[in-house]
Amino acid sequence: MPVTASSIQAGFEPIPGYVLRNKLGAGGYGEVWLADAPGGLKKAIKFVHGNIDGNRAGGELKSLQRVRQVNHPFILSLERIEVIEGQLIIVTELAQGSLHDRFVEFRQKGFVGIARERLIGYMRDTADGLDFLCQQHDLQHLDVKPANLLLVADRVKVADFGLIKDIQSNSLSVMSGLTPTYAAPEMFDGRPGRFSDQYSLAIVYQELLTGTLPFRGRTTAQLANEHLHKAPNLEAIPLLERPILSKALSKKPQLRFN
């Protein structure tokens, strides 16, 4: 059966031996499903919206070709990349949730955010994975946010590489698809660089720790203006940590940690 929007449902077999069970999530770039895989294993399968000849799916395929050879314990393994009748399908290891899910769990228990010591461990895992991408492969993820930081055995694995960029490339336009809440100022100018992911991770840390954001605009235009021109609101952050986040959130990339 061809892979179409109507065919992506429980019981469908998009790749021989991989049977869909239930939808795990959906976003601007596609849907993710739990699937039974050969050998009695469970895997996640992502269906990227659009035909492979389109900008969205075609761009993600190019990104995946760069990252599929990256092997690191805190980067989600890409196990298969298939194009079937123009549909881009990605098979990955199955995570138990995301940092967004863990944050919601803590909030439901009455906490403002994830317990600090636990969150520090998650951030350390994330930073290790992002540093490896940058230092060993000259790559920036450019979509660092809680939903893209997945949990496997309570350790973080960086996932969703639809915006990943070679920082040596001359073509770095990422406005299409960026998440403005977490985007570094230089991304709005189409000039992401070596320290862009650091900026995003600082925002993730504040949000997951305190339940607040340093920039609180409601629209893309408002957020872009705040990222580019306004100082971050760090009032919810412990006093001793504010200089650290302030440096990571510098408007000028060269003033961040390096």
Protein backbone atom coordinates (compact mmCIF):
# COMPACT_ATOMS: atom_id res chain seq x y z
CA MET A 1 0.00 0.00 0.00
CA PRO A 2 1.39 3.47 -0.87
CA VAL A 3 2.34 5.73 2.04
CA THR A 4 -0.30 8.46 2.19
CA ALA A 5 -1.70 10.59 4.99
CA SER A 6 -4.78 8.36 5.16
CA SER A 7 -2.74 5.15 5.24
CA ILE A 8 -0.61 6.20 8.25
CA GLN A 9 -2.64 4.50 10.97
CA ALA A 10 -2.42 1.64 13.43
CA GLY A 11 -1.76 -1.66 11.66
CA PHE A 12 -0.11 -0.08 8.62
CA GLU A 13 3.24 -1.55 7.50
CA PRO A 14 5.20 1.29 5.82
CA ILE A 15 8.40 -0.78 5.66
CA PRO A 16 8.29 -4.60 5.48
CA GLY A 17 8.41 -5.94 9.01
CA TYR A 18 7.56 -2.60 10.71
CA VAL A 19 3.93 -2.37 11.87
CA LEU A 20 2.54 0.87 13.31
CA ARG A 21 0.86 0.68 16.72
CA ASN A 22 0.04 4.18 17.96
CA LYS A 23 0.97 7.79 17.33
CA LEU A 24 3.57 9.16 19.76
CA GLY A 25 3.48 12.77 18.62
CA ALA A 26 3.17 15.23 15.77
CA GLY A 27 4.58 18.61 14.83
CA GLY A 28 5.26 20.94 11.96
CA TYR A 29 7.66 18.52 10.34
CA GLY A 30 5.81 15.23 10.64
CA GLU A 31 4.36 12.47 12.78
CA VAL A 32 6.11 9.93 15.02
CA TRP A 33 4.67 6.47 15.58
CA LEU A 34 5.46 3.50 17.80
CA ALA A 35 6.07 0.43 15.65
CA ASP A 36 6.67 -3.28 16.12
CA ALA A 37 9.95 -4.10 14.37
CA PRO A 38 11.60 -7.36 13.27
CA GLY A 39 12.91 -9.48 16.12
CA GLY A 40 10.15 -8.40 18.51
CA LEU A 41 11.69 -4.96 19.01
CA LYS A 42 9.91 -1.63 19.44
CA LYS A 43 11.03 1.34 17.35
CA ALA A 44 9.95 4.90 16.60
CA ILE A 45 9.09 5.80 13.01
CA LYS A 46 8.90 9.40 11.81
CA PHE A 47 6.98 10.35 8.68
CA VAL A 48 8.21 13.72 7.39
CA HIS A 49 5.45 15.86 5.90
CA GLY A 50 5.62 16.55 2.18
CA ASN A 51 7.12 14.86 -0.86
CA ILE A 52 10.87 14.26 -0.86
CA ASP A 53 11.13 16.72 -3.75
CA GLY A 54 9.69 19.46 -1.55
CA ASN A 55 11.75 21.83 0.58
CA ARG A 56 10.73 20.36 3.93
CA ALA A 57 11.35 16.65 3.33
CA GLY A 58 14.24 17.27 0.94
CA GLY A 59 15.94 19.55 3.45
CA GLU A 60 15.55 17.03 6.25
CA LEU A 61 17.01 14.24 4.09
CA LYS A 62 20.12 16.33 3.40
CA SER A 63 20.47 17.05 7.10
CA LEU A 64 20.11 13.39 7.99
CA GLN A 65 22.83 12.37 5.56
CA ARG A 66 25.22 14.51 7.61
CA VAL A 67 24.19 13.22 11.01
CA ARG A 68 23.59 9.54 10.29
CA GLN A 69 27.30 8.75 10.67
CA VAL A 70 27.52 10.52 14.04
CA ASN A 71 27.88 7.98 16.84
CA HIS A 72 27.55 9.30 20.39
CA PRO A 73 25.76 8.00 23.51
CA PHE A 74 23.75 11.22 23.87
CA ILE A 75 22.61 11.52 20.25
CA LEU A 76 19.57 9.51 19.16
CA SER A 77 20.49 6.67 16.81
CA LEU A 78 19.08 6.86 13.29
CA GLU A 79 18.63 3.20 12.35
CA ARG A 80 17.01 3.44 8.91
CA ILE A 81 16.30 6.23 6.46
CA GLU A 82 13.94 5.26 3.66
CA VAL A 83 12.25 7.10 0.82
CA ILE A 84 9.13 5.22 -0.28
CA GLU A 85 7.13 6.71 -3.15
CA GLY A 86 8.41 10.16 -2.26
CA GLN A 87 7.72 9.81 1.49
CA LEU A 88 10.71 10.25 3.82
CA ILE A 89 10.57 7.72 6.65
CA ILE A 90 13.04 7.60 9.54
CA VAL A 91 13.40 4.69 11.97
CA THR A 92 15.04 5.48 15.32
CA GLU A 93 15.56 3.85 18.67
CA LEU A 94 12.54 4.22 20.93
CA ALA A 95 12.72 6.79 23.73
CA GLN A 96 10.62 6.80 26.89
CA GLY A 97 9.62 10.43 26.53
CA SER A 98 11.16 13.88 26.33
CA LEU A 99 12.34 16.56 28.75
CA HIS A 100 9.07 18.33 28.02
CA ASP A 101 7.22 15.26 29.30
CA ARG A 102 9.44 15.08 32.40
CA PHE A 103 8.82 18.79 33.06
CA VAL A 104 5.06 18.21 32.87
CA GLU A 105 5.38 15.32 35.34
CA PHE A 106 7.13 17.56 37.87
CA ARG A 107 4.58 20.34 37.39
CA GLN A 108 1.71 17.91 37.97
CA LYS A 109 3.34 16.98 41.30
CA GLY A 110 3.31 20.61 42.38
CA PHE A 111 6.90 21.60 41.55
CA VAL A 112 7.74 24.70 39.52
CA GLY A 113 10.09 22.64 37.35
CA ILE A 114 12.44 19.67 37.26
CA ALA A 115 14.49 19.21 40.44
CA ARG A 116 17.77 21.10 39.98
CA GLU A 117 20.24 18.24 40.54
CA ARG A 118 18.33 16.01 38.16
CA LEU A 119 18.07 18.77 35.58
CA ILE A 120 21.82 19.46 35.79
CA GLY A 121 22.44 15.83 34.83
CA TYR A 122 20.09 16.16 31.85
CA MET A 123 21.77 19.38 30.75
CA ARG A 124 25.21 17.76 31.03
CA ASP A 125 24.12 14.93 28.73
CA THR A 126 22.65 17.42 26.25
CA ALA A 127 25.74 19.63 26.27
CA ASP A 128 27.99 16.60 25.71
CA GLY A 129 25.97 15.60 22.65
CA LEU A 130 25.83 19.13 21.22
CA ASP A 131 29.56 19.68 21.86
CA PHE A 132 30.34 16.47 19.98
CA LEU A 133 28.26 17.61 17.00
CA CYS A 134 30.01 20.99 17.00
CA GLN A 135 33.59 20.11 17.85
CA GLN A 136 33.90 16.85 15.93
CA HIS A 137 31.56 17.44 13.01
CA ASP A 138 31.16 21.25 12.68
CA LEU A 139 27.39 20.86 13.09
CA GLN A 140 24.85 22.95 15.00
CA HIS A 141 21.48 21.42 15.85
CA LEU A 142 19.56 24.74 15.72
CA ASP A 143 16.33 23.35 17.18
CA VAL A 144 17.29 22.69 20.79
CA LYS A 145 14.09 22.58 22.85
CA PRO A 146 12.59 20.27 25.50
CA ALA A 147 10.55 18.24 23.02
CA ASN A 148 13.69 17.39 21.01
CA LEU A 149 15.64 16.15 24.02
CA LEU A 150 14.53 12.56 24.49
CA LEU A 151 14.94 10.25 27.47
CA VAL A 152 16.37 6.75 27.21
CA ALA A 153 16.99 5.03 30.57
CA ASP A 154 16.71 8.50 32.17
CA ARG A 155 19.60 9.87 30.10
CA VAL A 156 19.10 12.53 27.44
CA LYS A 157 19.55 11.89 23.74
CA VAL A 158 19.49 14.84 21.33
CA ALA A 159 16.98 14.16 18.54
CA ASP A 160 15.15 15.71 15.58
CA PHE A 161 17.79 16.93 13.14
CA GLY A 162 15.59 18.72 10.62
CA LEU A 163 17.42 22.05 10.99
CA ILE A 164 20.96 20.80 11.61
CA LYS A 165 23.55 22.85 9.70
CA ASP A 166 27.20 22.66 8.75
CA ILE A 167 28.59 25.82 10.32
CA GLN A 168 31.14 26.09 7.53
CA SER A 169 28.37 26.26 4.92
CA ASN A 170 27.64 29.49 3.07
CA SER A 171 23.94 28.63 2.96
CA LEU A 172 22.55 28.89 6.46
CA SER A 173 19.01 30.20 6.12
CA VAL A 174 16.96 28.57 8.88
CA MET A 175 13.99 30.91 9.31
CA SER A 176 11.68 28.25 7.92
CA GLY A 177 11.07 25.80 10.72
CA LEU A 178 12.91 27.46 13.61
CA THR A 179 11.27 27.59 17.04
CA PRO A 180 11.42 31.31 17.94
CA THR A 181 11.08 30.78 21.70
CA TYR A 182 14.55 29.17 21.81
CA ALA A 183 16.27 30.69 18.77
CA ALA A 184 19.52 32.63 19.12
CA PRO A 185 19.50 36.24 17.82
CA GLU A 186 21.76 35.42 14.87
CA MET A 187 19.28 32.83 13.62
CA PHE A 188 16.76 35.56 12.85
CA ASP A 189 19.38 37.12 10.59
CA GLY A 190 20.08 33.75 8.91
CA ARG A 191 23.60 33.62 10.38
CA PRO A 192 23.73 30.79 12.95
CA GLY A 193 27.17 29.83 14.15
CA ARG A 194 29.22 27.81 16.60
CA PHE A 195 27.56 29.22 19.73
CA SER A 196 23.89 29.21 18.66
CA ASP A 197 22.95 25.94 20.38
CA GLN A 198 24.50 27.16 23.64
CA TYR A 199 22.05 30.09 23.67
CA SER A 200 19.07 27.79 23.11
CA LEU A 201 20.18 25.39 25.82
CA ALA A 202 20.37 28.23 28.35
CA ILE A 203 16.72 29.03 27.64
CA VAL A 204 15.78 25.37 27.99
CA TYR A 205 17.53 25.25 31.38
CA GLN A 206 15.64 28.27 32.72
CA GLU A 207 12.30 26.98 31.50
CA LEU A 208 12.71 23.47 32.90
CA LEU A 209 14.07 24.71 36.23
CA THR A 210 11.70 27.59 36.92
CA GLY A 211 8.73 27.27 34.57
CA THR A 212 9.57 30.72 33.17
CA LEU A 213 11.21 31.95 29.98
CA PRO A 214 13.79 34.76 29.66
CA PHE A 215 11.91 36.14 26.64
CA ARG A 216 8.13 36.08 26.75
CA GLY A 217 6.85 37.51 23.48
CA ARG A 218 3.74 35.86 22.09
CA THR A 219 4.46 36.18 18.39
CA THR A 220 7.48 35.44 16.23
CA ALA A 221 7.97 39.17 15.62
CA GLN A 222 7.85 39.97 19.34
CA LEU A 223 10.26 37.16 20.19
CA ALA A 224 12.65 38.16 17.42
CA ASN A 225 12.74 41.72 18.75
CA GLU A 226 13.38 40.51 22.30
CA HIS A 227 16.11 38.07 21.29
CA LEU A 228 17.81 40.75 19.22
CA HIS A 229 17.42 43.77 21.47
CA LYS A 230 16.17 43.08 25.01
CA ALA A 231 17.96 41.77 28.08
CA PRO A 232 16.71 38.38 29.32
CA ASN A 233 14.46 38.27 32.36
CA LEU A 234 16.40 36.09 34.81
CA GLU A 235 14.54 36.99 38.01
CA ALA A 236 13.37 33.40 38.56
CA ILE A 237 16.93 32.04 38.35
CA PRO A 238 18.96 31.64 41.58
CA LEU A 239 21.17 34.70 42.07
CA LEU A 240 24.48 32.83 41.75
CA GLU A 241 23.44 31.31 38.42
CA ARG A 242 22.32 34.52 36.73
CA PRO A 243 25.80 35.57 35.49
CA ILE A 244 26.21 32.14 33.88
CA LEU A 245 22.92 32.33 32.00
CA SER A 246 23.50 35.98 31.15
CA LYS A 247 26.78 35.09 29.46
CA ALA A 248 25.26 32.15 27.57
CA LEU A 249 22.45 34.50 26.43
CA SER A 250 24.75 37.24 25.15
CA LYS A 251 23.44 38.93 22.01
CA LYS A 252 26.90 38.67 20.47
CA PRO A 253 27.89 35.01 19.95
CA GLN A 254 31.58 35.68 20.62
CA LEU A 255 30.73 36.80 24.17
CA ARG A 256 29.21 33.44 25.09
CA PHE A 257 31.19 30.53 26.57
CA ASN A 258 33.74 29.04 24.16
